[in-house]
Amino acid sequence: MKAVNIITNEITPLKTSDSGDFALRQMEELKVLHLPIVNNEDFLGLISEEDILNQEDTAQSIGTYSLSLSRAAIFDSQHFYDVIKIIDEEKITLLPVVDSKNQYLGAISLQTVCHQLSKITAVSNPGAVIVLEIFVHDYLMSQIAQIVESNDAKIMSMYVSNHADSTKMDVILKINKNDITSIIATFNRYNYIIKETFSESDYYEMLNSRYDEFISWLNV
């Protein structure tokens, strides 16, 4: 999945002639803290709410402002994982997408990122979640898959989370079955440490809670 495929049409970029006050009103309306600046089709940078509030006169055109995020953008051909990485590293609420000539194509919102993550992690599919804690050097995806499939189940999604300052990692599995009793028993026979499990009801309760927290954060 490329960045160009998940552009949202809800974001209208600013022009250098727009005032800081106008930009702040747009940010408030769109529930974002950043907006792209574009002249004709050329991407000039990403302006933040902080950039504007640091000015003595927010009525001045934003073309006179210094931008703290002038290079915060992603090329249209980059992968969705790069989108997540840049948004996380830059701590931004939307990500401009440009082509090889630095022409602005659109932006990717946090809502779009959340939607795509829900598809990748198969959260809408029925089933359960198993969290394994293993040493990094013991990680064998083929063995984990074989254990699940030997119990007439499928892995709908799998991702890992490394422990900070540790040789351990968590492996999070979304399984297409709600009854995972036999799968847990098999993992135990192979001496896997099962850190957590979530049934379908527990999983959706957790997901809904985190989704509500995420939406509340977007609306701050």
N, C-alpha and C. Protein backbone atom coordinates (compact mmCIF):
# COMPACT_ATOMS: atom_id res chain seq x y z
N MET A 1 0.84 -1.18 0.00
CA MET A 1 0.00 0.00 0.00
C MET A 1 0.89 1.25 0.00
N LYS A 2 0.73 2.09 -1.02
CA LYS A 2 1.54 3.28 -1.16
C LYS A 2 0.85 4.50 -0.57
N ALA A 3 1.66 5.50 -0.22
CA ALA A 3 1.12 6.72 0.39
C ALA A 3 0.08 7.39 -0.50
N VAL A 4 0.30 7.35 -1.79
CA VAL A 4 -0.62 8.03 -2.72
C VAL A 4 -2.02 7.41 -2.69
N ASN A 5 -2.11 6.15 -2.26
CA ASN A 5 -3.40 5.45 -2.26
C ASN A 5 -4.27 5.78 -1.05
N ILE A 6 -3.73 6.47 -0.07
CA ILE A 6 -4.51 6.76 1.15
C ILE A 6 -4.61 8.26 1.43
N ILE A 7 -4.47 9.06 0.39
CA ILE A 7 -4.63 10.50 0.55
C ILE A 7 -6.09 10.83 0.86
N THR A 8 -6.29 11.76 1.78
CA THR A 8 -7.63 12.24 2.08
C THR A 8 -7.90 13.53 1.31
N ASN A 9 -9.16 13.74 0.95
CA ASN A 9 -9.54 14.94 0.21
C ASN A 9 -10.08 16.04 1.11
N GLU A 10 -10.01 15.82 2.42
CA GLU A 10 -10.61 16.77 3.36
C GLU A 10 -9.71 17.95 3.69
N ILE A 11 -8.42 17.84 3.38
CA ILE A 11 -7.46 18.87 3.77
C ILE A 11 -7.20 19.83 2.61
N THR A 12 -7.53 21.11 2.81
CA THR A 12 -7.21 22.15 1.82
C THR A 12 -5.94 22.84 2.25
N PRO A 13 -4.89 22.84 1.43
CA PRO A 13 -3.62 23.45 1.85
C PRO A 13 -3.71 24.97 1.94
N LEU A 14 -2.79 25.54 2.69
CA LEU A 14 -2.69 26.99 2.83
C LEU A 14 -1.83 27.57 1.72
N LYS A 15 -1.98 28.86 1.50
CA LYS A 15 -1.10 29.61 0.59
C LYS A 15 -0.24 30.55 1.43
N THR A 16 0.89 30.96 0.89
CA THR A 16 1.78 31.86 1.64
C THR A 16 1.11 33.19 1.94
N SER A 17 0.11 33.56 1.18
CA SER A 17 -0.58 34.83 1.40
C SER A 17 -1.64 34.75 2.51
N ASP A 18 -1.97 33.53 2.96
CA ASP A 18 -2.94 33.36 4.05
C ASP A 18 -2.33 33.86 5.35
N SER A 19 -3.16 34.42 6.20
CA SER A 19 -2.68 34.92 7.48
C SER A 19 -2.58 33.80 8.50
N GLY A 20 -1.82 34.06 9.56
CA GLY A 20 -1.73 33.10 10.63
C GLY A 20 -3.08 32.87 11.30
N ASP A 21 -3.86 33.92 11.43
CA ASP A 21 -5.19 33.80 12.04
C ASP A 21 -6.08 32.88 11.20
N PHE A 22 -6.01 33.03 9.87
CA PHE A 22 -6.79 32.16 8.99
C PHE A 22 -6.35 30.70 9.15
N ALA A 23 -5.04 30.49 9.23
CA ALA A 23 -4.52 29.13 9.39
C ALA A 23 -4.99 28.51 10.70
N LEU A 24 -5.02 29.30 11.77
CA LEU A 24 -5.48 28.79 13.06
C LEU A 24 -6.95 28.40 13.00
N ARG A 25 -7.76 29.19 12.29
CA ARG A 25 -9.18 28.85 12.15
C ARG A 25 -9.36 27.56 11.37
N GLN A 26 -8.54 27.38 10.32
CA GLN A 26 -8.60 26.14 9.54
C GLN A 26 -8.21 24.93 10.37
N MET A 27 -7.17 25.10 11.19
CA MET A 27 -6.72 24.00 12.05
C MET A 27 -7.81 23.62 13.05
N GLU A 28 -8.46 24.62 13.62
CA GLU A 28 -9.52 24.35 14.59
C GLU A 28 -10.69 23.63 13.93
N GLU A 29 -11.03 24.05 12.72
CA GLU A 29 -12.15 23.43 12.01
C GLU A 29 -11.84 21.98 11.64
N LEU A 30 -10.61 21.71 11.23
CA LEU A 30 -10.22 20.37 10.79
C LEU A 30 -9.72 19.49 11.93
N LYS A 31 -9.60 20.05 13.14
CA LYS A 31 -9.12 19.31 14.30
C LYS A 31 -7.70 18.77 14.07
N VAL A 32 -6.82 19.64 13.56
CA VAL A 32 -5.43 19.28 13.35
C VAL A 32 -4.55 20.37 13.94
N LEU A 33 -3.27 20.06 14.11
CA LEU A 33 -2.30 21.03 14.62
C LEU A 33 -1.29 21.43 13.56
N HIS A 34 -1.47 20.94 12.34
CA HIS A 34 -0.54 21.21 11.24
C HIS A 34 -1.32 21.33 9.93
N LEU A 35 -0.79 22.16 9.03
CA LEU A 35 -1.36 22.26 7.69
C LEU A 35 -0.24 22.49 6.68
N PRO A 36 -0.38 21.92 5.47
CA PRO A 36 0.63 22.13 4.42
C PRO A 36 0.49 23.52 3.80
N ILE A 37 1.62 24.05 3.35
CA ILE A 37 1.63 25.32 2.61
C ILE A 37 2.02 25.01 1.17
N VAL A 38 1.18 25.44 0.23
CA VAL A 38 1.40 25.13 -1.18
C VAL A 38 1.17 26.40 -2.01
N ASN A 39 2.09 26.69 -2.91
CA ASN A 39 1.90 27.75 -3.89
C ASN A 39 1.86 27.11 -5.27
N ASN A 40 0.76 27.36 -6.00
CA ASN A 40 0.48 26.63 -7.22
C ASN A 40 0.44 25.15 -6.85
N GLU A 41 1.39 24.35 -7.31
CA GLU A 41 1.41 22.93 -6.92
C GLU A 41 2.66 22.58 -6.12
N ASP A 42 3.49 23.57 -5.86
CA ASP A 42 4.75 23.31 -5.15
C ASP A 42 4.54 23.27 -3.64
N PHE A 43 5.02 22.20 -3.03
CA PHE A 43 4.94 22.07 -1.58
C PHE A 43 6.06 22.86 -0.94
N LEU A 44 5.71 23.76 -0.01
CA LEU A 44 6.69 24.63 0.62
C LEU A 44 7.03 24.20 2.05
N GLY A 45 6.14 23.49 2.69
CA GLY A 45 6.41 23.05 4.05
C GLY A 45 5.14 22.83 4.84
N LEU A 46 5.34 22.39 6.07
CA LEU A 46 4.23 22.11 6.97
C LEU A 46 4.30 23.11 8.13
N ILE A 47 3.23 23.87 8.32
CA ILE A 47 3.22 24.85 9.40
C ILE A 47 2.43 24.28 10.57
N SER A 48 2.93 24.51 11.77
CA SER A 48 2.27 24.01 12.98
C SER A 48 1.58 25.15 13.72
N GLU A 49 0.66 24.76 14.57
CA GLU A 49 -0.01 25.75 15.42
C GLU A 49 1.02 26.51 16.25
N GLU A 50 2.03 25.79 16.73
CA GLU A 50 3.08 26.41 17.54
C GLU A 50 3.86 27.45 16.74
N ASP A 51 4.13 27.14 15.44
CA ASP A 51 4.83 28.11 14.59
C ASP A 51 4.08 29.44 14.54
N ILE A 52 2.76 29.35 14.46
CA ILE A 52 1.94 30.56 14.35
C ILE A 52 1.87 31.30 15.68
N LEU A 53 1.63 30.57 16.76
CA LEU A 53 1.48 31.20 18.08
C LEU A 53 2.78 31.82 18.57
N ASN A 54 3.91 31.40 17.99
CA ASN A 54 5.19 31.99 18.37
C ASN A 54 5.42 33.35 17.71
N GLN A 55 4.54 33.74 16.78
CA GLN A 55 4.68 35.02 16.09
C GLN A 55 4.05 36.14 16.92
N GLU A 56 4.65 37.31 16.83
CA GLU A 56 4.10 38.46 17.54
C GLU A 56 2.79 38.92 16.90
N ASP A 57 2.71 38.81 15.58
CA ASP A 57 1.52 39.28 14.86
C ASP A 57 0.99 38.14 13.99
N THR A 58 -0.04 37.46 14.47
CA THR A 58 -0.61 36.33 13.73
C THR A 58 -1.47 36.78 12.55
N ALA A 59 -1.64 38.09 12.39
CA ALA A 59 -2.40 38.60 11.25
C ALA A 59 -1.52 38.67 10.00
N GLN A 60 -0.21 38.53 10.18
CA GLN A 60 0.69 38.57 9.02
C GLN A 60 0.56 37.31 8.19
N SER A 61 0.94 37.40 6.93
CA SER A 61 0.88 36.24 6.05
C SER A 61 1.89 35.20 6.49
N ILE A 62 1.52 33.93 6.34
CA ILE A 62 2.39 32.86 6.83
C ILE A 62 3.64 32.70 5.98
N GLY A 63 3.68 33.36 4.83
CA GLY A 63 4.88 33.31 4.00
C GLY A 63 6.07 33.96 4.66
N THR A 64 5.82 34.76 5.71
CA THR A 64 6.91 35.43 6.42
C THR A 64 7.38 34.63 7.63
N TYR A 65 6.70 33.51 7.93
CA TYR A 65 7.02 32.74 9.14
C TYR A 65 8.17 31.76 8.89
N SER A 66 8.87 31.43 9.97
CA SER A 66 9.85 30.34 9.94
C SER A 66 9.13 29.05 10.26
N LEU A 67 9.38 28.02 9.48
CA LEU A 67 8.70 26.74 9.66
C LEU A 67 9.62 25.74 10.37
N SER A 68 9.10 25.12 11.41
CA SER A 68 9.88 24.12 12.13
C SER A 68 9.83 22.76 11.45
N LEU A 69 8.88 22.59 10.49
CA LEU A 69 8.68 21.30 9.82
C LEU A 69 8.70 21.46 8.30
N SER A 70 9.66 22.19 7.81
CA SER A 70 9.68 22.51 6.37
C SER A 70 9.86 21.28 5.49
N ARG A 71 10.42 20.19 6.03
CA ARG A 71 10.69 19.00 5.21
C ARG A 71 9.81 17.82 5.59
N ALA A 72 8.81 18.04 6.40
CA ALA A 72 7.95 16.94 6.84
C ALA A 72 6.96 16.57 5.73
N ALA A 73 7.31 15.57 4.95
CA ALA A 73 6.46 15.10 3.84
C ALA A 73 6.91 13.70 3.47
N ILE A 74 6.10 13.05 2.64
CA ILE A 74 6.43 11.71 2.17
C ILE A 74 6.20 11.63 0.67
N PHE A 75 7.03 10.87 -0.01
CA PHE A 75 6.85 10.69 -1.45
C PHE A 75 5.67 9.76 -1.73
N ASP A 76 5.01 9.99 -2.84
CA ASP A 76 3.81 9.23 -3.19
C ASP A 76 4.07 7.73 -3.30
N SER A 77 5.30 7.33 -3.65
CA SER A 77 5.60 5.91 -3.87
C SER A 77 6.03 5.17 -2.60
N GLN A 78 6.15 5.88 -1.47
CA GLN A 78 6.59 5.21 -0.25
C GLN A 78 5.46 4.39 0.37
N HIS A 79 5.86 3.41 1.19
CA HIS A 79 4.91 2.46 1.76
C HIS A 79 4.18 3.05 2.97
N PHE A 80 3.05 2.43 3.29
CA PHE A 80 2.25 2.86 4.44
C PHE A 80 3.05 2.81 5.74
N TYR A 81 3.94 1.85 5.86
CA TYR A 81 4.76 1.77 7.07
C TYR A 81 5.62 3.02 7.23
N ASP A 82 6.09 3.57 6.11
CA ASP A 82 6.87 4.82 6.16
C ASP A 82 5.99 5.98 6.64
N VAL A 83 4.71 5.95 6.26
CA VAL A 83 3.76 6.97 6.72
C VAL A 83 3.71 6.97 8.25
N ILE A 84 3.53 5.78 8.82
CA ILE A 84 3.44 5.66 10.27
C ILE A 84 4.74 6.13 10.93
N LYS A 85 5.87 5.73 10.36
CA LYS A 85 7.17 6.09 10.93
C LYS A 85 7.38 7.59 10.96
N ILE A 86 7.07 8.27 9.85
CA ILE A 86 7.30 9.72 9.79
C ILE A 86 6.35 10.46 10.72
N ILE A 87 5.08 10.06 10.75
CA ILE A 87 4.12 10.71 11.64
C ILE A 87 4.56 10.56 13.09
N ASP A 88 5.05 9.38 13.44
CA ASP A 88 5.50 9.15 14.81
C ASP A 88 6.76 9.95 15.12
N GLU A 89 7.72 9.94 14.22
CA GLU A 89 8.98 10.65 14.46
C GLU A 89 8.79 12.16 14.53
N GLU A 90 7.96 12.70 13.66
CA GLU A 90 7.77 14.15 13.59
C GLU A 90 6.68 14.65 14.55
N LYS A 91 5.90 13.72 15.11
CA LYS A 91 4.81 14.09 16.02
C LYS A 91 3.83 15.06 15.36
N ILE A 92 3.34 14.68 14.19
CA ILE A 92 2.45 15.54 13.41
C ILE A 92 1.07 14.93 13.29
N THR A 93 0.09 15.79 13.01
CA THR A 93 -1.31 15.34 12.95
C THR A 93 -1.78 15.07 11.53
N LEU A 94 -0.96 15.39 10.55
CA LEU A 94 -1.21 14.96 9.17
C LEU A 94 0.10 15.00 8.41
N LEU A 95 0.16 14.26 7.32
CA LEU A 95 1.40 14.12 6.56
C LEU A 95 1.19 14.46 5.10
N PRO A 96 1.85 15.52 4.59
CA PRO A 96 1.73 15.86 3.16
C PRO A 96 2.37 14.80 2.28
N VAL A 97 1.79 14.61 1.10
CA VAL A 97 2.31 13.66 0.11
C VAL A 97 2.75 14.45 -1.12
N VAL A 98 3.97 14.20 -1.59
CA VAL A 98 4.50 14.91 -2.74
C VAL A 98 5.02 13.92 -3.77
N ASP A 99 5.19 14.39 -5.01
CA ASP A 99 5.79 13.54 -6.04
C ASP A 99 7.28 13.84 -6.13
N SER A 100 7.93 13.25 -7.11
CA SER A 100 9.39 13.39 -7.24
C SER A 100 9.82 14.81 -7.57
N LYS A 101 8.87 15.64 -8.02
CA LYS A 101 9.18 17.04 -8.33
C LYS A 101 8.78 17.98 -7.19
N ASN A 102 8.47 17.41 -6.04
CA ASN A 102 8.05 18.16 -4.86
C ASN A 102 6.71 18.88 -5.07
N GLN A 103 5.90 18.35 -5.95
CA GLN A 103 4.57 18.91 -6.14
C GLN A 103 3.59 18.24 -5.17
N TYR A 104 2.76 19.05 -4.56
CA TYR A 104 1.84 18.58 -3.53
C TYR A 104 0.70 17.77 -4.16
N LEU A 105 0.46 16.57 -3.62
CA LEU A 105 -0.60 15.70 -4.13
C LEU A 105 -1.78 15.60 -3.17
N GLY A 106 -1.55 15.86 -1.91
CA GLY A 106 -2.59 15.74 -0.90
C GLY A 106 -1.95 15.44 0.45
N ALA A 107 -2.78 15.07 1.42
CA ALA A 107 -2.28 14.79 2.76
C ALA A 107 -2.94 13.53 3.32
N ILE A 108 -2.27 12.94 4.29
CA ILE A 108 -2.79 11.75 4.97
C ILE A 108 -3.09 12.15 6.41
N SER A 109 -4.33 11.94 6.83
CA SER A 109 -4.75 12.31 8.18
C SER A 109 -4.56 11.16 9.15
N LEU A 110 -4.58 11.48 10.44
CA LEU A 110 -4.48 10.44 11.46
C LEU A 110 -5.68 9.49 11.41
N GLN A 111 -6.86 10.04 11.06
CA GLN A 111 -8.03 9.19 10.93
C GLN A 111 -7.83 8.13 9.86
N THR A 112 -7.20 8.53 8.74
CA THR A 112 -6.92 7.58 7.66
C THR A 112 -5.93 6.52 8.11
N VAL A 113 -4.90 6.95 8.84
CA VAL A 113 -3.91 6.01 9.36
C VAL A 113 -4.58 4.99 10.27
N CYS A 114 -5.46 5.47 11.15
CA CYS A 114 -6.18 4.57 12.07
C CYS A 114 -7.03 3.57 11.30
N HIS A 115 -7.71 4.04 10.27
CA HIS A 115 -8.55 3.16 9.46
C HIS A 115 -7.72 2.08 8.76
N GLN A 116 -6.60 2.48 8.19
CA GLN A 116 -5.74 1.52 7.50
C GLN A 116 -5.14 0.51 8.47
N LEU A 117 -4.79 0.97 9.67
CA LEU A 117 -4.25 0.06 10.67
C LEU A 117 -5.29 -0.98 11.08
N SER A 118 -6.55 -0.55 11.17
CA SER A 118 -7.60 -1.50 11.53
C SER A 118 -7.76 -2.58 10.47
N LYS A 119 -7.52 -2.24 9.20
CA LYS A 119 -7.59 -3.22 8.13
C LYS A 119 -6.39 -4.17 8.17
N ILE A 120 -5.21 -3.60 8.38
CA ILE A 120 -3.99 -4.41 8.39
C ILE A 120 -4.00 -5.41 9.54
N THR A 121 -4.47 -4.97 10.70
CA THR A 121 -4.45 -5.83 11.88
C THR A 121 -5.70 -6.69 12.01
N ALA A 122 -6.60 -6.61 11.03
CA ALA A 122 -7.80 -7.47 10.97
C ALA A 122 -8.69 -7.33 12.20
N VAL A 123 -8.80 -6.11 12.73
CA VAL A 123 -9.58 -5.93 13.95
C VAL A 123 -11.07 -6.19 13.74
N SER A 124 -11.55 -6.03 12.50
CA SER A 124 -12.98 -6.24 12.26
C SER A 124 -13.33 -7.72 12.07
N ASN A 125 -12.32 -8.58 11.95
CA ASN A 125 -12.57 -10.01 11.79
C ASN A 125 -12.82 -10.66 13.15
N PRO A 126 -13.76 -11.59 13.23
CA PRO A 126 -14.00 -12.28 14.50
C PRO A 126 -12.81 -13.14 14.88
N GLY A 127 -12.61 -13.30 16.18
CA GLY A 127 -11.51 -14.11 16.65
C GLY A 127 -10.95 -13.64 17.97
N ALA A 128 -9.76 -14.12 18.30
CA ALA A 128 -9.12 -13.82 19.58
C ALA A 128 -7.70 -13.34 19.35
N VAL A 129 -7.08 -12.86 20.43
CA VAL A 129 -5.72 -12.35 20.37
C VAL A 129 -4.86 -13.10 21.39
N ILE A 130 -3.67 -13.49 20.96
CA ILE A 130 -2.69 -14.13 21.84
C ILE A 130 -1.41 -13.31 21.80
N VAL A 131 -0.87 -12.98 22.97
CA VAL A 131 0.39 -12.25 23.06
C VAL A 131 1.45 -13.19 23.65
N LEU A 132 2.47 -13.48 22.86
CA LEU A 132 3.57 -14.33 23.30
C LEU A 132 4.77 -13.46 23.69
N GLU A 133 5.47 -13.87 24.73
CA GLU A 133 6.71 -13.20 25.10
C GLU A 133 7.85 -14.18 24.85
N ILE A 134 8.75 -13.81 23.95
CA ILE A 134 9.84 -14.72 23.59
C ILE A 134 11.15 -13.96 23.48
N PHE A 135 12.25 -14.69 23.53
CA PHE A 135 13.55 -14.10 23.26
C PHE A 135 13.69 -13.88 21.75
N VAL A 136 14.33 -12.78 21.40
CA VAL A 136 14.47 -12.43 19.99
C VAL A 136 15.10 -13.56 19.19
N HIS A 137 16.13 -14.21 19.75
CA HIS A 137 16.82 -15.27 18.99
C HIS A 137 15.99 -16.54 18.88
N ASP A 138 14.88 -16.64 19.64
CA ASP A 138 14.01 -17.81 19.56
C ASP A 138 12.82 -17.61 18.62
N TYR A 139 12.73 -16.42 18.04
CA TYR A 139 11.57 -16.11 17.21
C TYR A 139 11.60 -16.89 15.90
N LEU A 140 10.60 -17.77 15.72
CA LEU A 140 10.46 -18.53 14.49
C LEU A 140 9.01 -18.39 14.00
N MET A 141 8.81 -17.55 13.03
CA MET A 141 7.45 -17.32 12.53
C MET A 141 6.84 -18.61 12.00
N SER A 142 7.65 -19.43 11.34
CA SER A 142 7.12 -20.67 10.76
C SER A 142 6.60 -21.61 11.85
N GLN A 143 7.30 -21.68 12.99
CA GLN A 143 6.86 -22.56 14.06
C GLN A 143 5.57 -22.03 14.71
N ILE A 144 5.50 -20.73 14.91
CA ILE A 144 4.31 -20.13 15.49
C ILE A 144 3.10 -20.39 14.59
N ALA A 145 3.28 -20.20 13.30
CA ALA A 145 2.18 -20.44 12.35
C ALA A 145 1.78 -21.91 12.35
N GLN A 146 2.78 -22.80 12.43
CA GLN A 146 2.49 -24.23 12.41
C GLN A 146 1.67 -24.64 13.63
N ILE A 147 1.98 -24.05 14.80
CA ILE A 147 1.23 -24.36 16.02
C ILE A 147 -0.22 -23.93 15.88
N VAL A 148 -0.44 -22.73 15.37
CA VAL A 148 -1.80 -22.23 15.20
C VAL A 148 -2.57 -23.07 14.18
N GLU A 149 -1.94 -23.33 13.04
CA GLU A 149 -2.62 -24.06 11.97
C GLU A 149 -2.86 -25.52 12.33
N SER A 150 -2.04 -26.09 13.19
CA SER A 150 -2.25 -27.47 13.61
C SER A 150 -3.50 -27.62 14.46
N ASN A 151 -4.03 -26.50 14.92
CA ASN A 151 -5.27 -26.50 15.71
C ASN A 151 -6.44 -25.96 14.90
N ASP A 152 -6.36 -26.15 13.58
CA ASP A 152 -7.44 -25.76 12.66
C ASP A 152 -7.80 -24.28 12.78
N ALA A 153 -6.79 -23.44 12.90
CA ALA A 153 -6.99 -21.99 12.98
C ALA A 153 -6.03 -21.30 12.02
N LYS A 154 -6.26 -20.02 11.79
CA LYS A 154 -5.41 -19.22 10.92
C LYS A 154 -5.00 -17.94 11.64
N ILE A 155 -3.79 -17.47 11.32
CA ILE A 155 -3.33 -16.18 11.82
C ILE A 155 -3.81 -15.10 10.85
N MET A 156 -4.66 -14.21 11.33
CA MET A 156 -5.18 -13.14 10.49
C MET A 156 -4.20 -11.97 10.41
N SER A 157 -3.48 -11.74 11.49
CA SER A 157 -2.42 -10.73 11.49
C SER A 157 -1.43 -11.08 12.60
N MET A 158 -0.17 -10.64 12.41
CA MET A 158 0.86 -10.89 13.40
C MET A 158 1.87 -9.75 13.35
N TYR A 159 2.18 -9.19 14.50
CA TYR A 159 3.22 -8.16 14.53
C TYR A 159 3.99 -8.28 15.83
N VAL A 160 5.16 -7.66 15.87
CA VAL A 160 6.05 -7.81 17.02
C VAL A 160 6.32 -6.45 17.66
N SER A 161 6.65 -6.51 18.94
CA SER A 161 7.00 -5.31 19.70
C SER A 161 8.20 -5.64 20.56
N ASN A 162 9.33 -5.00 20.27
CA ASN A 162 10.55 -5.26 21.03
C ASN A 162 10.51 -4.57 22.39
N HIS A 163 11.03 -5.25 23.41
CA HIS A 163 11.13 -4.66 24.73
C HIS A 163 12.34 -3.72 24.77
N ALA A 164 12.17 -2.58 25.39
CA ALA A 164 13.28 -1.64 25.50
C ALA A 164 14.36 -2.22 26.40
N ASP A 165 15.61 -2.09 25.95
CA ASP A 165 16.77 -2.56 26.72
C ASP A 165 16.63 -4.02 27.15
N SER A 166 16.17 -4.84 26.21
CA SER A 166 15.95 -6.24 26.53
C SER A 166 16.15 -7.08 25.27
N THR A 167 16.39 -8.38 25.50
CA THR A 167 16.50 -9.31 24.37
C THR A 167 15.18 -10.02 24.12
N LYS A 168 14.12 -9.55 24.78
CA LYS A 168 12.81 -10.16 24.61
C LYS A 168 11.93 -9.32 23.68
N MET A 169 10.91 -9.96 23.18
CA MET A 169 9.95 -9.28 22.32
C MET A 169 8.57 -9.89 22.55
N ASP A 170 7.54 -9.11 22.24
CA ASP A 170 6.17 -9.61 22.24
C ASP A 170 5.76 -9.92 20.81
N VAL A 171 5.10 -11.04 20.64
CA VAL A 171 4.52 -11.40 19.34
C VAL A 171 3.01 -11.41 19.52
N ILE A 172 2.33 -10.51 18.82
CA ILE A 172 0.88 -10.37 18.97
C ILE A 172 0.19 -11.05 17.79
N LEU A 173 -0.66 -12.02 18.08
CA LEU A 173 -1.34 -12.81 17.05
C LEU A 173 -2.83 -12.54 17.09
N LYS A 174 -3.42 -12.25 15.93
CA LYS A 174 -4.88 -12.21 15.81
C LYS A 174 -5.29 -13.52 15.14
N ILE A 175 -6.07 -14.33 15.86
CA ILE A 175 -6.49 -15.65 15.41
C ILE A 175 -7.94 -15.61 14.96
N ASN A 176 -8.27 -16.40 13.96
CA ASN A 176 -9.64 -16.37 13.42
C ASN A 176 -10.63 -17.23 14.20
N LYS A 177 -10.25 -17.68 15.40
CA LYS A 177 -11.15 -18.45 16.26
C LYS A 177 -11.25 -17.77 17.62
N ASN A 178 -12.44 -17.82 18.20
CA ASN A 178 -12.61 -17.24 19.52
C ASN A 178 -12.20 -18.22 20.62
N ASP A 179 -12.41 -19.51 20.37
CA ASP A 179 -12.00 -20.54 21.33
C ASP A 179 -10.56 -20.95 21.02
N ILE A 180 -9.64 -20.48 21.84
CA ILE A 180 -8.21 -20.74 21.58
C ILE A 180 -7.60 -21.66 22.63
N THR A 181 -8.45 -22.41 23.31
CA THR A 181 -7.98 -23.30 24.38
C THR A 181 -6.93 -24.28 23.88
N SER A 182 -7.21 -24.93 22.76
CA SER A 182 -6.26 -25.93 22.24
C SER A 182 -4.97 -25.28 21.75
N ILE A 183 -5.08 -24.08 21.20
CA ILE A 183 -3.88 -23.37 20.72
C ILE A 183 -2.99 -23.01 21.90
N ILE A 184 -3.60 -22.51 22.98
CA ILE A 184 -2.83 -22.17 24.17
C ILE A 184 -2.13 -23.41 24.73
N ALA A 185 -2.85 -24.53 24.75
CA ALA A 185 -2.26 -25.77 25.25
C ALA A 185 -1.04 -26.19 24.42
N THR A 186 -1.13 -26.01 23.11
CA THR A 186 0.00 -26.38 22.25
C THR A 186 1.18 -25.45 22.46
N PHE A 187 0.92 -24.16 22.58
CA PHE A 187 2.01 -23.22 22.87
C PHE A 187 2.69 -23.59 24.19
N ASN A 188 1.90 -23.97 25.18
CA ASN A 188 2.47 -24.38 26.47
C ASN A 188 3.35 -25.61 26.32
N ARG A 189 2.94 -26.55 25.47
CA ARG A 189 3.76 -27.76 25.26
C ARG A 189 5.10 -27.42 24.62
N TYR A 190 5.10 -26.36 23.82
CA TYR A 190 6.35 -25.92 23.18
C TYR A 190 7.11 -24.92 24.04
N ASN A 191 6.66 -24.75 25.28
CA ASN A 191 7.33 -23.88 26.26
C ASN A 191 7.32 -22.40 25.88
N TYR A 192 6.29 -22.00 25.17
CA TYR A 192 6.11 -20.57 24.90
C TYR A 192 5.50 -19.90 26.12
N ILE A 193 5.92 -18.67 26.39
CA ILE A 193 5.32 -17.88 27.47
C ILE A 193 4.16 -17.09 26.89
N ILE A 194 2.96 -17.38 27.39
CA ILE A 194 1.76 -16.66 26.95
C ILE A 194 1.55 -15.49 27.90
N LYS A 195 1.82 -14.31 27.41
CA LYS A 195 1.76 -13.12 28.25
C LYS A 195 0.34 -12.67 28.50
N GLU A 196 -0.49 -12.68 27.45
CA GLU A 196 -1.88 -12.24 27.56
C GLU A 196 -2.71 -12.93 26.49
N THR A 197 -3.99 -13.07 26.77
CA THR A 197 -4.95 -13.51 25.75
C THR A 197 -6.19 -12.63 25.86
N PHE A 198 -6.85 -12.44 24.74
CA PHE A 198 -8.08 -11.65 24.69
C PHE A 198 -9.11 -12.42 23.86
N SER A 199 -10.25 -12.69 24.48
CA SER A 199 -11.34 -13.29 23.71
C SER A 199 -11.96 -12.19 22.85
N GLU A 200 -12.89 -12.57 22.01
CA GLU A 200 -13.52 -11.60 21.12
C GLU A 200 -14.17 -10.47 21.90
N SER A 201 -14.89 -10.79 22.97
CA SER A 201 -15.56 -9.76 23.75
C SER A 201 -14.56 -8.85 24.44
N ASP A 202 -13.49 -9.46 25.02
CA ASP A 202 -12.45 -8.66 25.67
C ASP A 202 -11.73 -7.78 24.66
N TYR A 203 -11.48 -8.37 23.49
CA TYR A 203 -10.73 -7.67 22.46
C TYR A 203 -11.48 -6.43 21.97
N TYR A 204 -12.78 -6.61 21.69
CA TYR A 204 -13.54 -5.47 21.18
C TYR A 204 -13.76 -4.41 22.25
N GLU A 205 -13.85 -4.84 23.51
CA GLU A 205 -13.96 -3.86 24.59
C GLU A 205 -12.69 -3.02 24.66
N MET A 206 -11.52 -3.70 24.56
CA MET A 206 -10.25 -2.98 24.57
C MET A 206 -10.13 -2.08 23.35
N LEU A 207 -10.49 -2.61 22.18
CA LEU A 207 -10.38 -1.84 20.95
C LEU A 207 -11.27 -0.60 20.99
N ASN A 208 -12.51 -0.76 21.44
CA ASN A 208 -13.42 0.37 21.51
C ASN A 208 -12.93 1.41 22.48
N SER A 209 -12.35 0.96 23.60
CA SER A 209 -11.81 1.90 24.58
C SER A 209 -10.67 2.71 24.00
N ARG A 210 -9.75 2.02 23.30
CA ARG A 210 -8.60 2.72 22.72
C ARG A 210 -9.03 3.61 21.55
N TYR A 211 -10.04 3.17 20.80
CA TYR A 211 -10.54 3.99 19.71
C TYR A 211 -11.16 5.28 20.26
N ASP A 212 -11.94 5.15 21.35
CA ASP A 212 -12.55 6.32 21.97
C ASP A 212 -11.48 7.28 22.48
N GLU A 213 -10.41 6.73 23.08
CA GLU A 213 -9.32 7.56 23.56
C GLU A 213 -8.63 8.27 22.39
N PHE A 214 -8.46 7.55 21.29
CA PHE A 214 -7.81 8.13 20.11
C PHE A 214 -8.65 9.27 19.53
N ILE A 215 -9.97 9.06 19.41
CA ILE A 215 -10.84 10.10 18.87
C ILE A 215 -10.89 11.30 19.79
N SER A 216 -10.91 11.06 21.11
CA SER A 216 -10.89 12.17 22.07
C SER A 216 -9.62 12.99 21.92
N TRP A 217 -8.49 12.29 21.68
CA TRP A 217 -7.22 13.00 21.49
C TRP A 217 -7.26 13.84 20.22
N LEU A 218 -7.86 13.31 19.15
CA LEU A 218 -7.95 14.06 17.90
C LEU A 218 -8.79 15.32 18.06
N ASN A 219 -9.77 15.26 18.97
CA ASN A 219 -10.69 16.38 19.13
C ASN A 219 -10.23 17.40 20.16
N VAL A 220 -9.05 17.17 20.73
CA VAL A 220 -8.53 18.13 21.72
C VAL A 220 -8.30 19.49 21.05
